[in-house]
Amino acid sequence: MQTLNRREMMVAMAAVAALGGAAQAESETVLAQSKVYRFNDLPVVPRDHGQKDQSVLDGTLATGEALEVHETTLPPGQTPHAPHRHRHSELMLVRDGLLEFNNDGRLERAGPGGVFFVGSNVLHGVKCVGDVAANYYVIAIGRDRAVRPVSG
């Protein structure tokens, strides 16, 4: 058996990493085709406390970014879950109702047309604070596994 030098080992490790990434990409849905998603055709997933989620899409763009989109209906006084952090970034677009956004401990409110941006690893959460249910879309961009650092 031949011993690899450090350079050869690094080339081999890069090749293995590339193959692993390719295998992951093959198992994911590639979102390369334009499509219309009709609201009434979206599957409804009931959650705790009257919350309902409707998945729109989940996959990887042709340019490599992971993308997941869903709509949540949240009854008055409810939260979908406790404040949390994750590596991916999110946009939350308020369609109906009034939401309170916990942005790393700062509370801000927005109604229809409001947009919340959640940066990577920022503590966040939402709560329906109006008298009627809130409907909002979540657009998650990126992955929760390790990512390359951005130089800058």
C-alpha atoms as a PDB file:
ATOM      1  CA  MET A   1       0.000   0.000   0.000  1.00  0.00           C
ATOM      2  CA  GLN A   2       1.348   3.404  -0.994  1.00  0.00           C
ATOM      3  CA  THR A   3       1.545   6.178   1.603  1.00  0.00           C
ATOM      4  CA  LEU A   4      -0.088   9.476   0.580  1.00  0.00           C
ATOM      5  CA  ASN A   5       1.711  12.740   1.177  1.00  0.00           C
ATOM      6  CA  ARG A   6      -0.158  15.707   2.660  1.00  0.00           C
ATOM      7  CA  ARG A   7      -0.966  17.233  -0.750  1.00  0.00           C
ATOM      8  CA  GLU A   8      -2.323  13.956  -2.132  1.00  0.00           C
ATOM      9  CA  MET A   9      -4.375  13.473   1.044  1.00  0.00           C
ATOM     10  CA  MET A  10      -5.929  16.943   0.671  1.00  0.00           C
ATOM     11  CA  VAL A  11      -6.808  16.237  -2.980  1.00  0.00           C
ATOM     12  CA  ALA A  12      -8.380  12.921  -1.973  1.00  0.00           C
ATOM     13  CA  MET A  13     -10.370  14.539   0.845  1.00  0.00           C
ATOM     14  CA  ALA A  14     -11.639  17.256  -1.509  1.00  0.00           C
ATOM     15  CA  ALA A  15     -12.742  14.604  -4.010  1.00  0.00           C
ATOM     16  CA  VAL A  16     -14.595  12.648  -1.316  1.00  0.00           C
ATOM     17  CA  ALA A  17     -16.284  15.834  -0.084  1.00  0.00           C
ATOM     18  CA  ALA A  18     -17.333  16.719  -3.642  1.00  0.00           C
ATOM     19  CA  LEU A  19     -18.784  13.255  -4.176  1.00  0.00           C
ATOM     20  CA  GLY A  20     -20.692  13.488  -0.897  1.00  0.00           C
ATOM     21  CA  GLY A  21     -22.139  16.839  -1.946  1.00  0.00           C
ATOM     22  CA  ALA A  22     -23.150  15.414  -5.314  1.00  0.00           C
ATOM     23  CA  ALA A  23     -24.881  12.464  -3.648  1.00  0.00           C
ATOM     24  CA  GLN A  24     -26.792  14.842  -1.387  1.00  0.00           C
ATOM     25  CA  ALA A  25     -27.847  17.010  -4.310  1.00  0.00           C
ATOM     26  CA  GLU A  26     -29.087  13.968  -6.243  1.00  0.00           C
ATOM     27  CA  SER A  27     -31.385  12.964  -3.372  1.00  0.00           C
ATOM     28  CA  GLU A  28     -32.951  16.432  -3.090  1.00  0.00           C
ATOM     29  CA  THR A  29     -35.647  17.905  -5.288  1.00  0.00           C
ATOM     30  CA  VAL A  30     -34.019  20.293  -7.749  1.00  0.00           C
ATOM     31  CA  LEU A  31     -36.249  23.318  -8.268  1.00  0.00           C
ATOM     32  CA  ALA A  32     -35.268  24.055 -11.862  1.00  0.00           C
ATOM     33  CA  GLN A  33     -38.703  24.327 -13.527  1.00  0.00           C
ATOM     34  CA  SER A  34     -41.029  27.296 -13.214  1.00  0.00           C
ATOM     35  CA  LYS A  35     -44.380  26.345 -11.720  1.00  0.00           C
ATOM     36  CA  VAL A  36     -47.589  27.812 -10.319  1.00  0.00           C
ATOM     37  CA  TYR A  37     -48.567  26.640  -6.811  1.00  0.00           C
ATOM     38  CA  ARG A  38     -52.305  27.078  -6.255  1.00  0.00           C
ATOM     39  CA  PHE A  39     -53.270  27.701  -2.650  1.00  0.00           C
ATOM     40  CA  ASN A  40     -56.234  25.290  -2.713  1.00  0.00           C
ATOM     41  CA  ASP A  41     -53.971  22.484  -3.978  1.00  0.00           C
ATOM     42  CA  LEU A  42     -51.458  22.767  -1.118  1.00  0.00           C
ATOM     43  CA  PRO A  43     -51.613  19.991   1.503  1.00  0.00           C
ATOM     44  CA  VAL A  44     -52.777  21.148   4.960  1.00  0.00           C
ATOM     45  CA  VAL A  45     -50.862  19.864   7.994  1.00  0.00           C
ATOM     46  CA  PRO A  46     -52.692  20.463  11.319  1.00  0.00           C
ATOM     47  CA  ARG A  47     -50.410  21.338  14.256  1.00  0.00           C
ATOM     48  CA  ASP A  48     -50.878  21.944  17.977  1.00  0.00           C
ATOM     49  CA  HIS A  49     -53.198  24.686  19.284  1.00  0.00           C
ATOM     50  CA  GLY A  50     -55.102  25.098  15.997  1.00  0.00           C
ATOM     51  CA  GLN A  51     -52.081  25.982  13.884  1.00  0.00           C
ATOM     52  CA  LYS A  52     -52.128  24.815  10.250  1.00  0.00           C
ATOM     53  CA  ASP A  53     -49.215  24.659   7.823  1.00  0.00           C
ATOM     54  CA  GLN A  54     -49.386  24.378   4.056  1.00  0.00           C
ATOM     55  CA  SER A  55     -46.172  23.330   2.329  1.00  0.00           C
ATOM     56  CA  VAL A  56     -45.511  25.094  -0.973  1.00  0.00           C
ATOM     57  CA  LEU A  57     -42.094  23.757  -1.989  1.00  0.00           C
ATOM     58  CA  ASP A  58     -38.896  22.297  -0.595  1.00  0.00           C
ATOM     59  CA  GLY A  59     -35.725  21.621  -2.542  1.00  0.00           C
ATOM     60  CA  THR A  60     -32.552  23.024  -4.027  1.00  0.00           C
ATOM     61  CA  LEU A  61     -32.348  25.751  -6.635  1.00  0.00           C
ATOM     62  CA  ALA A  62     -30.310  25.143  -9.782  1.00  0.00           C
ATOM     63  CA  THR A  63     -27.781  27.616  -8.328  1.00  0.00           C
ATOM     64  CA  GLY A  64     -27.290  25.434  -5.221  1.00  0.00           C
ATOM     65  CA  GLU A  65     -29.241  27.211  -2.472  1.00  0.00           C
ATOM     66  CA  ALA A  66     -31.725  25.227  -0.410  1.00  0.00           C
ATOM     67  CA  LEU A  67     -35.211  26.777  -0.481  1.00  0.00           C
ATOM     68  CA  GLU A  68     -38.306  25.868   1.544  1.00  0.00           C
ATOM     69  CA  VAL A  69     -41.604  27.784   1.469  1.00  0.00           C
ATOM     70  CA  HIS A  70     -44.726  27.218   3.550  1.00  0.00           C
ATOM     71  CA  GLU A  71     -47.716  29.154   4.830  1.00  0.00           C
ATOM     72  CA  THR A  72     -48.746  29.055   8.474  1.00  0.00           C
ATOM     73  CA  THR A  73     -52.148  29.921   9.921  1.00  0.00           C
ATOM     74  CA  LEU A  74     -51.776  30.828  13.586  1.00  0.00           C
ATOM     75  CA  PRO A  75     -54.777  31.397  15.902  1.00  0.00           C
ATOM     76  CA  PRO A  76     -54.879  34.444  18.206  1.00  0.00           C
ATOM     77  CA  GLY A  77     -52.545  34.215  21.184  1.00  0.00           C
ATOM     78  CA  GLN A  78     -50.557  31.289  19.753  1.00  0.00           C
ATOM     79  CA  THR A  79     -46.927  30.771  18.778  1.00  0.00           C
ATOM     80  CA  PRO A  80     -45.743  28.036  16.409  1.00  0.00           C
ATOM     81  CA  HIS A  81     -42.874  27.150  18.784  1.00  0.00           C
ATOM     82  CA  ALA A  82     -40.531  28.702  21.321  1.00  0.00           C
ATOM     83  CA  PRO A  83     -37.965  31.269  20.124  1.00  0.00           C
ATOM     84  CA  HIS A  84     -35.048  29.465  18.493  1.00  0.00           C
ATOM     85  CA  ARG A  85     -31.997  29.801  16.230  1.00  0.00           C
ATOM     86  CA  HIS A  86     -30.919  28.019  13.061  1.00  0.00           C
ATOM     87  CA  ARG A  87     -28.244  28.405  10.403  1.00  0.00           C
ATOM     88  CA  HIS A  88     -30.561  29.185   7.491  1.00  0.00           C
ATOM     89  CA  SER A  89     -32.047  32.645   6.933  1.00  0.00           C
ATOM     90  CA  GLU A  90     -35.793  33.275   6.681  1.00  0.00           C
ATOM     91  CA  LEU A  91     -38.279  35.787   5.416  1.00  0.00           C
ATOM     92  CA  MET A  92     -41.758  35.865   6.965  1.00  0.00           C
ATOM     93  CA  LEU A  93     -44.381  37.673   4.887  1.00  0.00           C
ATOM     94  CA  VAL A  94     -47.579  38.562   6.758  1.00  0.00           C
ATOM     95  CA  ARG A  95     -50.693  38.019   4.650  1.00  0.00           C
ATOM     96  CA  ASP A  96     -53.439  38.488   7.304  1.00  0.00           C
ATOM     97  CA  GLY A  97     -53.640  39.272  11.003  1.00  0.00           C
ATOM     98  CA  LEU A  98     -51.114  40.823  13.369  1.00  0.00           C
ATOM     99  CA  LEU A  99     -47.838  39.155  14.360  1.00  0.00           C
ATOM    100  CA  GLU A 100     -45.355  40.057  17.038  1.00  0.00           C
ATOM    101  CA  PHE A 101     -41.794  39.271  15.980  1.00  0.00           C
ATOM    102  CA  ASN A 102     -39.204  38.441  18.628  1.00  0.00           C
ATOM    103  CA  ASN A 103     -35.994  39.664  17.000  1.00  0.00           C
ATOM    104  CA  ASP A 104     -33.255  38.579  19.423  1.00  0.00           C
ATOM    105  CA  GLY A 105     -35.281  39.878  22.390  1.00  0.00           C
ATOM    106  CA  ARG A 106     -36.678  43.006  20.667  1.00  0.00           C
ATOM    107  CA  LEU A 107     -40.422  42.778  20.040  1.00  0.00           C
ATOM    108  CA  GLU A 108     -41.827  44.339  16.864  1.00  0.00           C
ATOM    109  CA  ARG A 109     -45.285  44.041  15.293  1.00  0.00           C
ATOM    110  CA  ALA A 110     -46.472  43.920  11.708  1.00  0.00           C
ATOM    111  CA  GLY A 111     -49.735  43.250   9.913  1.00  0.00           C
ATOM    112  CA  PRO A 112     -50.663  42.517   6.302  1.00  0.00           C
ATOM    113  CA  GLY A 113     -47.793  43.314   3.958  1.00  0.00           C
ATOM    114  CA  GLY A 114     -45.220  43.297   6.756  1.00  0.00           C
ATOM    115  CA  VAL A 115     -42.013  41.338   6.255  1.00  0.00           C
ATOM    116  CA  PHE A 116     -39.690  39.996   8.937  1.00  0.00           C
ATOM    117  CA  PHE A 117     -36.132  39.023   8.008  1.00  0.00           C
ATOM    118  CA  VAL A 118     -34.350  36.451  10.191  1.00  0.00           C
ATOM    119  CA  GLY A 119     -30.580  36.311   9.833  1.00  0.00           C
ATOM    120  CA  SER A 120     -28.576  33.150  10.345  1.00  0.00           C
ATOM    121  CA  ASN A 121     -28.264  32.129  14.022  1.00  0.00           C
ATOM    122  CA  VAL A 122     -30.402  35.042  15.300  1.00  0.00           C
ATOM    123  CA  LEU A 123     -32.826  34.158  18.128  1.00  0.00           C
ATOM    124  CA  HIS A 124     -36.355  34.681  16.820  1.00  0.00           C
ATOM    125  CA  GLY A 125     -39.999  33.740  17.192  1.00  0.00           C
ATOM    126  CA  VAL A 126     -43.481  34.946  16.290  1.00  0.00           C
ATOM    127  CA  LYS A 127     -46.809  35.200  18.104  1.00  0.00           C
ATOM    128  CA  CYS A 128     -50.280  36.038  16.784  1.00  0.00           C
ATOM    129  CA  VAL A 129     -51.273  39.107  18.825  1.00  0.00           C
ATOM    130  CA  GLY A 130     -54.387  40.166  16.922  1.00  0.00           C
ATOM    131  CA  ASP A 131     -58.045  39.243  17.416  1.00  0.00           C
ATOM    132  CA  VAL A 132     -58.083  37.040  14.306  1.00  0.00           C
ATOM    133  CA  ALA A 133     -55.823  34.296  13.018  1.00  0.00           C
ATOM    134  CA  ALA A 134     -52.618  35.384  11.318  1.00  0.00           C
ATOM    135  CA  ASN A 135     -51.553  33.911   7.989  1.00  0.00           C
ATOM    136  CA  TYR A 136     -47.942  34.264   6.941  1.00  0.00           C
ATOM    137  CA  TYR A 137     -45.520  32.751   4.479  1.00  0.00           C
ATOM    138  CA  VAL A 138     -42.092  31.524   5.556  1.00  0.00           C
ATOM    139  CA  ILE A 139     -39.324  31.465   2.974  1.00  0.00           C
ATOM    140  CA  ALA A 140     -36.288  29.590   4.308  1.00  0.00           C
ATOM    141  CA  ILE A 141     -33.063  30.023   2.360  1.00  0.00           C
ATOM    142  CA  GLY A 142     -29.968  27.933   3.020  1.00  0.00           C
ATOM    143  CA  ARG A 143     -29.136  24.835   4.976  1.00  0.00           C
ATOM    144  CA  ASP A 144     -28.801  24.027   8.654  1.00  0.00           C
ATOM    145  CA  ARG A 145     -25.675  21.948   8.181  1.00  0.00           C
ATOM    146  CA  ALA A 146     -22.221  23.535   8.090  1.00  0.00           C
ATOM    147  CA  VAL A 147     -21.667  26.187   5.456  1.00  0.00           C
ATOM    148  CA  ARG A 148     -18.593  27.862   4.039  1.00  0.00           C
ATOM    149  CA  PRO A 149     -17.691  31.150   5.738  1.00  0.00           C
ATOM    150  CA  VAL A 150     -18.252  34.280   3.666  1.00  0.00           C
ATOM    151  CA  SER A 151     -15.137  36.392   3.270  1.00  0.00           C
ATOM    152  CA  GLY A 152     -15.606  39.958   3.333  1.00  0.00           C
END
